[in-house]
Structures are given as C-alpha cells and as structure tokens.
C-alpha cells in the first residue's frame, strides 16, 4: 500500500520537527519534505508531488494564505492549515478555509507529551481524510440570490427549531447556506460545528456579516429567538432546554466537544415533531444517532448529498442507519428547510 506523502510547511524548525514526528509515527504516512515558507513550499510541491500539505499561516517571504491561493490555482492538493489559538488566528483560518483549505488544526504550544496526545490523533485523522477526499476545484463565491418567502403572516409554520450538525468543510458550507436564508425566516437555527475554543466566535461573526439572519455564538442560559442562528461554542456541548441554551463540558462524544448528538437529542426530546435536524459534511458518525431520535419523535431530517460534501462521513452514516428523510445538495438545503417548515396548503 502506498503511503500518504506529506509536506510540512512552517517557519520554525521546532514546529516542523514536532509535526513531522507526529505524522511519522503512523505507518500509513510519510513526511517527504519540509519547508520554512510558502515560496519554498511551492517549489517542493512541484518536485515532491505530496498528497497533503500542512501549512503554517505566518511565515516570511510568502505567508500561508498567499501560498494556499497559489496551490489551489496551480497545483490543487489538500492543505491543512496549522493555526494559532488567537482570535486573529481564528479569523485568518476561516479565510483559509474559504480559499479552499481542506481543514485546520490549532497550533501546538509546546513539545510536552500531553500536547502530542491532544493534537496527534486529530492531525493524523485529518491527513488521512484529506488524502482520501476528492478535492473540489475552488469556485467563485456564487451561491445564488437570497431565497424569497411569501408573507410570513400568510403562512403557518409547523416547526419551532432547526438543528444542524457539521464538521470538516463546515465554514464555507455554512457560508453557502446562510447567504441564502431570507431575513423573514422566523425559526431559530442551532448549529454544532466541530471546532476548538476561540474559533466559533470568529465563525459566528463572519457568518453574521453575510447573512440576513442574525448569527451569534451561543451563551449559556440565553433564550433562543426567532430569526437567529446559534453556534455552539468550542469545547462545550450545546442543548436546548425549555427554549434556552444549555452549555456543558461533559465527556467528548465521538471524539468531539461540541458534538451534534447532544443537540439533536435535546431537540428531539423538547420539540419532537416540531423540529428539523440537518446533517452535513464531516468525518466520523457524530449526529447520526441524534438525527434518528428526531425522526422517531416525528421531526423531519435532511442530509447533504455525497457529491457536495467535502467529506462524506457524517451524512453517510446517518443515511445508512435510516435517520434521513431527504438527501439534497448543499445549495438546496435552505430551500428544503423552508419547505419543511411551512404547512402545505
């Protein structure tokens, strides 16, 4: 079996060694080279033909975003960004994902054994997923116009809440769907995006700027309102109980915190047939069990189709387990949600 060939790009020798050591411990991965900046990375990509690149953001001569844009244009291969934990780092990371980066990991802050344990499994899993994924050519940001709704006053809504679970490929996919929701869609939308602390606030702010709905990072105890999207904060599971947000630490579920299953289970229990659950692109099986509970309680369920997923993991499991009513492409998810929300005449 051919090993996954990885190029590690970082401006510090220590970080290049740390990431290379983590990846080299897996027998299916081979680090074929390293580079201290984007300029040299582009040269080595041409010479070494790696399957995956890990890319630092801040580097001399050519930074990570510039290099990423050139890679996507000249030699499209999966790139995993290595991002700092700062708020500014989170904003840059989201920009990288919109430029076509496959995924990201938070930058290790040292070489202690516990640091290896925290990021090693995630980095290795993401490299393997990146190598296996069918890379999609980055298209122009054209998602079509905002959907139009007839007067809300003339419609009877039969849904009180929407829940969305999403992982790898999430930020640009969420951007696509929330650019299409009309401002008069009244149902609260709750979202679990697999992300570490700090990144979800930047994600919510970025989505809020492009959406006619109000998008915010959820706060513990707040009452959920109409016309609003709530993003689960990194490192907290989110549930909706008696119309309010409940955030808790708890154990990781399917290796994730936040995980989609706690949100879906709470929606099923609290709202039953008045709920919609949506599972979108991502690795693993998070969300399938909770989505099935929503369906069992009479709610409606939607999955993103294989062709538009960055990683067809979470939707695939949900579909195979019989948890899904409707499978649609990414761009059609908003319209499907709206149609399910309104009583048919």
Protein backbone atom coordinates (compact mmCIF):
# COMPACT_ATOMS: atom_id res chain seq x y z
CA UNK A 1 0.00 0.00 0.00
CA UNK A 2 1.35 3.42 -0.95
CA UNK A 3 1.94 5.75 1.97
CA UNK A 4 0.35 9.19 2.18
CA UNK A 5 3.05 11.68 1.21
CA UNK A 6 3.02 14.86 3.32
CA UNK A 7 4.91 18.15 3.02
CA UNK A 8 5.22 20.06 6.31
CA UNK A 9 5.47 23.86 5.97
CA UNK A 10 6.34 26.05 8.98
CA UNK A 11 8.81 28.86 9.61
CA UNK A 12 10.16 27.35 12.84
CA UNK A 13 12.41 24.30 12.84
CA UNK A 14 10.93 23.11 16.13
CA UNK A 15 7.39 23.09 14.77
CA UNK A 16 8.45 21.36 11.57
CA UNK A 17 10.05 18.63 13.67
CA UNK A 18 7.06 18.35 16.02
CA UNK A 19 4.54 17.93 13.20
CA UNK A 20 6.85 15.62 11.26
CA UNK A 21 7.38 13.42 14.34
CA UNK A 22 3.64 13.15 14.95
CA UNK A 23 2.90 12.16 11.38
CA UNK A 24 5.86 9.78 11.05
CA UNK A 25 4.58 7.66 13.93
CA UNK A 26 1.73 6.46 11.71
CA UNK A 27 2.80 3.65 9.36
CA UNK A 28 0.46 4.90 6.61
CA UNK A 29 2.05 8.37 6.43
CA UNK A 30 5.44 9.50 5.11
CA UNK A 31 6.78 13.04 5.55
CA UNK A 32 8.54 13.58 2.22
CA UNK A 33 9.84 17.05 2.97
CA UNK A 34 9.60 20.30 4.92
CA UNK A 35 9.75 23.98 4.01
CA UNK A 36 10.20 27.16 6.09
CA UNK A 37 7.96 29.40 3.96
CA UNK A 38 5.35 29.39 1.22
CA UNK A 39 7.79 30.26 -1.54
CA UNK A 40 9.94 27.18 -0.93
CA UNK A 41 6.81 25.11 -0.33
CA UNK A 42 5.59 25.81 -3.86
CA UNK A 43 8.93 24.69 -5.27
CA UNK A 44 8.89 21.49 -3.23
CA UNK A 45 5.31 20.71 -4.20
CA UNK A 46 6.37 20.71 -7.85
CA UNK A 47 9.35 18.49 -7.11
CA UNK A 48 7.95 16.10 -4.49
CA UNK A 49 4.25 15.84 -5.51
CA UNK A 50 2.92 15.37 -1.97
CA UNK A 51 -0.61 14.10 -1.35
CA UNK A 52 -1.23 16.54 1.52
CA UNK A 53 0.39 19.74 2.80
CA UNK A 54 0.31 21.08 6.36
CA UNK A 55 0.67 24.86 6.17
CA UNK A 56 1.57 27.45 8.79
CA UNK A 57 -0.10 30.84 8.40
CA UNK A 58 2.51 33.43 9.40
CA UNK A 59 5.80 32.94 7.54
CA UNK A 60 8.45 35.17 5.92
CA UNK A 61 8.82 35.64 2.13
CA UNK A 62 5.40 34.12 1.45
CA UNK A 63 2.72 33.60 4.09
CA UNK A 64 0.35 30.67 4.29
CA UNK A 65 -2.68 32.37 2.75
CA UNK A 66 -0.72 33.53 -0.28
CA UNK A 67 0.82 30.09 -0.71
CA UNK A 68 -2.58 28.42 -0.29
CA UNK A 69 -4.14 30.58 -3.01
CA UNK A 70 -1.30 29.71 -5.39
CA UNK A 71 -1.54 25.99 -4.56
CA UNK A 72 -5.28 25.98 -5.26
CA UNK A 73 -4.65 27.76 -8.55
CA UNK A 74 -1.52 25.96 -9.77
CA UNK A 75 -1.31 22.55 -8.04
CA UNK A 76 -4.62 21.79 -6.26
CA UNK A 77 -3.92 19.40 -3.39
CA UNK A 78 -5.45 19.17 0.10
CA UNK A 79 -3.96 21.69 2.54
CA UNK A 80 -4.39 21.52 6.32
CA UNK A 81 -3.73 24.86 7.98
CA UNK A 82 -1.88 25.00 11.29
CA UNK A 83 -3.41 27.96 13.10
CA UNK A 84 -2.61 29.90 16.25
CA UNK A 85 -5.15 29.92 19.09
CA UNK A 86 -5.57 33.69 18.96
CA UNK A 87 -8.72 35.46 17.80
CA UNK A 88 -6.79 36.91 14.85
CA UNK A 89 -5.50 33.42 14.07
CA UNK A 90 -9.07 32.14 14.01
CA UNK A 91 -10.15 34.83 11.53
CA UNK A 92 -7.26 34.02 9.21
CA UNK A 93 -8.02 30.32 9.45
CA UNK A 94 -11.62 30.88 8.37
CA UNK A 95 -10.37 32.90 5.43
CA UNK A 96 -8.08 30.00 4.51
CA UNK A 97 -11.00 27.56 4.59
CA UNK A 98 -12.93 29.83 2.25
CA UNK A 99 -9.91 29.93 -0.07
CA UNK A 100 -10.02 26.14 -0.33
CA UNK A 101 -8.04 24.71 2.61
CA UNK A 102 -9.29 21.23 3.48
CA UNK A 103 -9.24 21.71 7.27
CA UNK A 104 -7.12 23.07 10.11
CA UNK A 105 -5.62 22.16 13.47
CA UNK A 106 -4.77 24.54 16.31
CA UNK A 107 -1.02 25.10 16.50
CA UNK A 108 0.73 23.11 19.26
CA UNK A 109 2.06 25.33 22.02
CA UNK A 110 4.95 23.10 23.09
CA UNK A 111 6.53 19.69 22.81
CA UNK A 112 5.24 18.13 26.04
CA UNK A 113 3.81 14.64 25.79
CA UNK A 114 0.28 15.85 26.56
CA UNK A 115 0.47 18.23 23.59
CA UNK A 116 1.24 15.28 21.34
CA UNK A 117 -1.76 13.41 22.71
CA UNK A 118 -4.11 16.35 22.21
CA UNK A 119 -3.32 17.03 18.55
CA UNK A 120 -1.74 13.82 17.25
CA UNK A 121 -4.91 11.80 16.69
CA UNK A 122 -6.72 14.76 15.15
CA UNK A 123 -3.85 15.66 12.82
CA UNK A 124 -3.34 12.08 11.63
CA UNK A 125 -7.09 11.59 11.05
CA UNK A 126 -7.34 14.82 9.09
CA UNK A 127 -4.31 13.99 6.94
CA UNK A 128 -5.83 10.61 6.09
CA UNK A 129 -9.22 12.15 5.35
CA UNK A 130 -7.60 14.82 3.19
CA UNK A 131 -5.68 12.23 1.18
CA UNK A 132 -8.86 10.20 0.62
CA UNK A 133 -11.11 13.14 -0.22
CA UNK A 134 -11.88 14.17 -3.75
CA UNK A 135 -10.56 17.70 -3.91
CA UNK A 136 -13.06 20.09 -5.39
CA UNK A 137 -11.87 22.96 -7.53
CA UNK A 138 -12.43 26.25 -5.74
CA UNK A 139 -15.24 28.03 -7.50
CA UNK A 140 -16.25 31.67 -7.34
CA UNK A 141 -18.44 32.53 -4.39
CA UNK A 142 -21.68 32.37 -6.34
CA UNK A 143 -24.45 30.74 -4.33
CA UNK A 144 -27.37 32.42 -5.99
CA UNK A 145 -29.72 35.06 -4.63
CA UNK A 146 -31.31 35.07 -1.20
CA UNK A 147 -34.41 32.89 -1.24
CA UNK A 148 -37.73 34.71 -1.28
CA UNK A 149 -40.60 33.90 1.04
CA UNK A 150 -44.18 34.95 0.76
CA UNK A 151 -45.51 36.98 3.66
CA UNK A 152 -44.89 35.09 6.89
CA UNK A 153 -48.25 36.23 8.16
CA UNK A 154 -49.96 34.20 5.43
CA UNK A 155 -48.03 31.02 6.25
CA UNK A 156 -48.50 28.50 9.04
CA UNK A 157 -45.15 27.31 10.37
CA UNK A 158 -45.10 23.77 11.69
CA UNK A 159 -41.54 23.84 13.00
CA UNK A 160 -40.21 25.54 16.14
CA UNK A 161 -36.49 24.79 15.82
CA UNK A 162 -33.80 23.66 13.37
CA UNK A 163 -30.61 21.85 14.39
CA UNK A 164 -27.53 21.47 12.16
CA UNK A 165 -24.51 19.21 12.73
CA UNK A 166 -21.39 19.74 10.60
CA UNK A 167 -17.62 19.17 10.69
CA UNK A 168 -14.89 19.08 8.01
CA UNK A 169 -15.74 21.54 5.25
CA UNK A 170 -18.17 23.29 7.56
CA UNK A 171 -17.32 27.01 7.49
CA UNK A 172 -17.59 27.54 3.72
CA UNK A 173 -20.64 25.25 3.59
CA UNK A 174 -22.36 27.21 6.35
CA UNK A 175 -21.50 30.39 4.48
CA UNK A 176 -23.22 28.99 1.40
CA UNK A 177 -26.48 28.15 3.16
CA UNK A 178 -26.74 31.20 5.41
CA UNK A 179 -26.21 33.55 2.48
CA UNK A 180 -29.44 32.13 1.06
CA UNK A 181 -31.75 32.27 4.09
CA UNK A 182 -34.21 35.19 3.90
CA UNK A 183 -34.43 37.59 6.84
CA UNK A 184 -38.09 36.70 7.36
CA UNK A 185 -37.40 33.02 8.08
CA UNK A 186 -38.63 33.04 11.69
CA UNK A 187 -37.46 29.71 13.13
CA UNK A 188 -34.39 29.64 15.44
CA UNK A 189 -31.47 27.66 13.96
CA UNK A 190 -28.90 25.93 16.16
CA UNK A 191 -25.54 24.76 14.83
CA UNK A 192 -22.83 22.44 16.10
CA UNK A 193 -19.64 22.89 14.09
CA UNK A 194 -16.71 20.76 15.28
CA UNK A 195 -14.24 23.49 16.29
CA UNK A 196 -11.94 24.24 19.23
CA UNK A 197 -12.40 27.21 21.60
CA UNK A 198 -11.92 30.65 20.09
CA UNK A 199 -12.74 29.70 16.52
CA UNK A 200 -16.52 29.51 16.88
CA UNK A 201 -16.85 33.17 17.89
CA UNK A 202 -14.93 34.25 14.79
CA UNK A 203 -17.08 31.88 12.70
CA UNK A 204 -20.31 33.36 14.06
CA UNK A 205 -19.15 36.91 13.41
CA UNK A 206 -18.09 36.05 9.87
CA UNK A 207 -21.43 34.38 9.10
CA UNK A 208 -23.36 37.26 10.66
CA UNK A 209 -21.81 39.68 8.18
CA UNK A 210 -23.02 37.76 5.14
CA UNK A 211 -26.40 36.51 6.38
CA UNK A 212 -29.74 38.30 6.59
CA UNK A 213 -30.33 36.28 9.77
CA UNK A 214 -28.56 37.22 13.00
CA UNK A 215 -25.74 34.75 13.70
CA UNK A 216 -24.07 34.57 17.11
CA UNK A 217 -22.04 32.31 19.37
CA UNK A 218 -24.48 30.77 21.85
CA UNK A 219 -24.37 31.79 25.52
CA UNK A 220 -25.38 29.59 28.42
CA UNK A 221 -28.90 30.29 29.65
CA UNK A 222 -29.96 32.64 26.88
CA UNK A 223 -33.45 32.36 25.42
CA UNK A 224 -33.46 31.39 21.76
CA UNK A 225 -35.14 33.92 19.49
CA UNK A 226 -36.64 33.85 16.02
CA UNK A 227 -34.56 34.99 13.02
CA UNK A 228 -31.40 33.96 14.89
CA UNK A 229 -28.67 31.34 14.38
CA UNK A 230 -26.83 29.99 17.44
CA UNK A 231 -23.34 28.48 17.03
CA UNK A 232 -22.20 26.12 19.80
CA UNK A 233 -19.01 27.45 21.45
CA UNK A 234 -15.86 25.37 21.04
CA UNK A 235 -15.26 22.89 23.89
CA UNK A 236 -18.92 22.94 25.04
CA UNK A 237 -21.76 20.61 24.18
CA UNK A 238 -24.94 22.56 23.46
CA UNK A 239 -28.51 21.54 24.25
CA UNK A 240 -31.78 23.43 24.02
CA UNK A 241 -33.96 23.02 27.11
CA UNK A 242 -37.24 24.88 27.69
CA UNK A 243 -36.36 27.32 24.96
CA UNK A 244 -32.95 28.18 26.40
CA UNK A 245 -29.35 27.33 25.59
CA UNK A 246 -27.64 24.90 27.96
CA UNK A 247 -23.86 24.62 27.62
CA UNK A 248 -21.88 21.93 29.40
CA UNK A 249 -18.45 20.35 29.25
CA UNK A 250 -19.12 16.63 29.66
CA UNK A 251 -17.10 13.89 28.01
CA UNK A 252 -16.17 14.11 24.37
CA UNK A 253 -18.66 12.25 22.16
CA UNK A 254 -17.23 10.53 19.09
CA UNK A 255 -14.05 12.42 19.98
CA UNK A 256 -15.81 15.80 19.75
CA UNK A 257 -16.84 18.61 22.07
CA UNK A 258 -19.07 20.16 20.89
CA UNK A 259 -20.81 17.17 19.32
CA UNK A 260 -24.01 17.21 17.31
CA UNK A 261 -25.68 14.28 19.09
CA UNK A 262 -26.39 16.12 22.38
CA UNK A 263 -28.03 18.97 20.45
CA UNK A 264 -30.12 16.60 18.35
CA UNK A 265 -31.22 14.51 21.33
CA UNK A 266 -32.31 17.63 23.23
CA UNK A 267 -34.22 18.94 20.21
CA UNK A 268 -35.97 15.58 19.79
CA UNK A 269 -36.98 15.48 23.45
CA UNK A 270 -38.06 19.12 23.75
CA UNK A 271 -39.65 19.75 20.34
CA UNK A 272 -40.49 16.34 18.86
CA UNK A 273 -42.47 16.69 15.62
CA UNK A 274 -41.87 20.46 15.63
CA UNK A 275 -38.16 20.04 14.82
CA UNK A 276 -35.87 19.67 11.80
CA UNK A 277 -32.45 18.04 12.02
CA UNK A 278 -29.79 18.53 9.34
CA UNK A 279 -26.52 16.58 8.98
CA UNK A 280 -23.82 17.98 6.73
CA UNK A 281 -20.25 17.38 5.57
CA UNK A 282 -17.79 15.91 8.06
CA UNK A 283 -15.71 12.98 9.25
CA UNK A 284 -16.99 10.25 11.54
CA UNK A 285 -20.52 9.41 12.68
CA UNK A 286 -21.46 12.23 15.04
CA UNK A 287 -25.10 13.24 14.70
CA UNK A 288 -26.49 10.02 13.22
CA UNK A 289 -27.97 8.75 16.49
CA UNK A 290 -29.47 12.10 17.44
CA UNK A 291 -30.88 12.60 13.98
CA UNK A 292 -32.57 9.22 14.21
CA UNK A 293 -34.17 10.26 17.51
CA UNK A 294 -35.56 13.41 15.87
CA UNK A 295 -37.08 11.24 13.13
CA UNK A 296 -38.52 8.80 15.68
CA UNK A 297 -40.18 11.69 17.51
CA UNK A 298 -41.89 12.82 14.31
CA UNK A 299 -39.44 15.54 13.32
CA UNK A 300 -38.06 15.93 9.81
CA UNK A 301 -34.47 15.19 8.81
CA UNK A 302 -32.17 16.25 5.97
CA UNK A 303 -28.70 15.11 4.87
CA UNK A 304 -26.25 16.76 2.49
CA UNK A 305 -25.59 14.62 -0.56
CA UNK A 306 -22.27 12.89 -1.27
CA UNK A 307 -21.40 14.96 -4.31
CA UNK A 308 -21.31 18.28 -2.43
CA UNK A 309 -19.69 17.05 0.80
CA UNK A 310 -16.01 17.74 1.46
CA UNK A 311 -16.04 14.53 3.50
CA UNK A 312 -18.98 12.15 3.13
CA UNK A 313 -18.78 10.66 6.62
CA UNK A 314 -21.47 12.00 8.94
CA UNK A 315 -24.21 12.13 6.28
CA UNK A 316 -23.31 8.65 5.00
CA UNK A 317 -23.70 7.05 8.44
CA UNK A 318 -26.99 8.85 9.07
CA UNK A 319 -28.39 7.74 5.71
CA UNK A 320 -27.23 4.15 6.15
CA UNK A 321 -28.87 3.99 9.60
CA UNK A 322 -32.22 5.17 8.23
CA UNK A 323 -32.12 8.53 10.00
CA UNK A 324 -32.77 10.73 6.97
CA UNK A 325 -35.98 11.79 5.20
CA UNK A 326 -34.42 13.85 2.42
CA UNK A 327 -30.98 13.99 0.75
CA UNK A 328 -30.14 17.19 -1.14
CA UNK A 329 -27.12 19.09 -2.50
CA UNK A 330 -25.58 21.79 -0.32
CA UNK A 331 -27.12 24.69 -2.23
CA UNK A 332 -30.64 23.26 -1.84
CA UNK A 333 -30.54 22.79 1.94
CA UNK A 334 -32.03 26.24 2.80
CA UNK A 335 -34.97 25.74 0.42
CA UNK A 336 -35.55 22.22 1.81
CA UNK A 337 -35.59 23.55 5.38
CA UNK A 338 -38.02 26.33 4.48
CA UNK A 339 -40.38 23.96 2.66
CA UNK A 340 -40.35 21.54 5.62
CA UNK A 341 -41.09 24.43 7.99
CA UNK A 342 -44.33 25.51 6.33
CA UNK A 343 -47.64 23.66 6.36
CA UNK A 344 -48.64 22.54 2.90
CA UNK A 345 -51.85 24.09 1.66
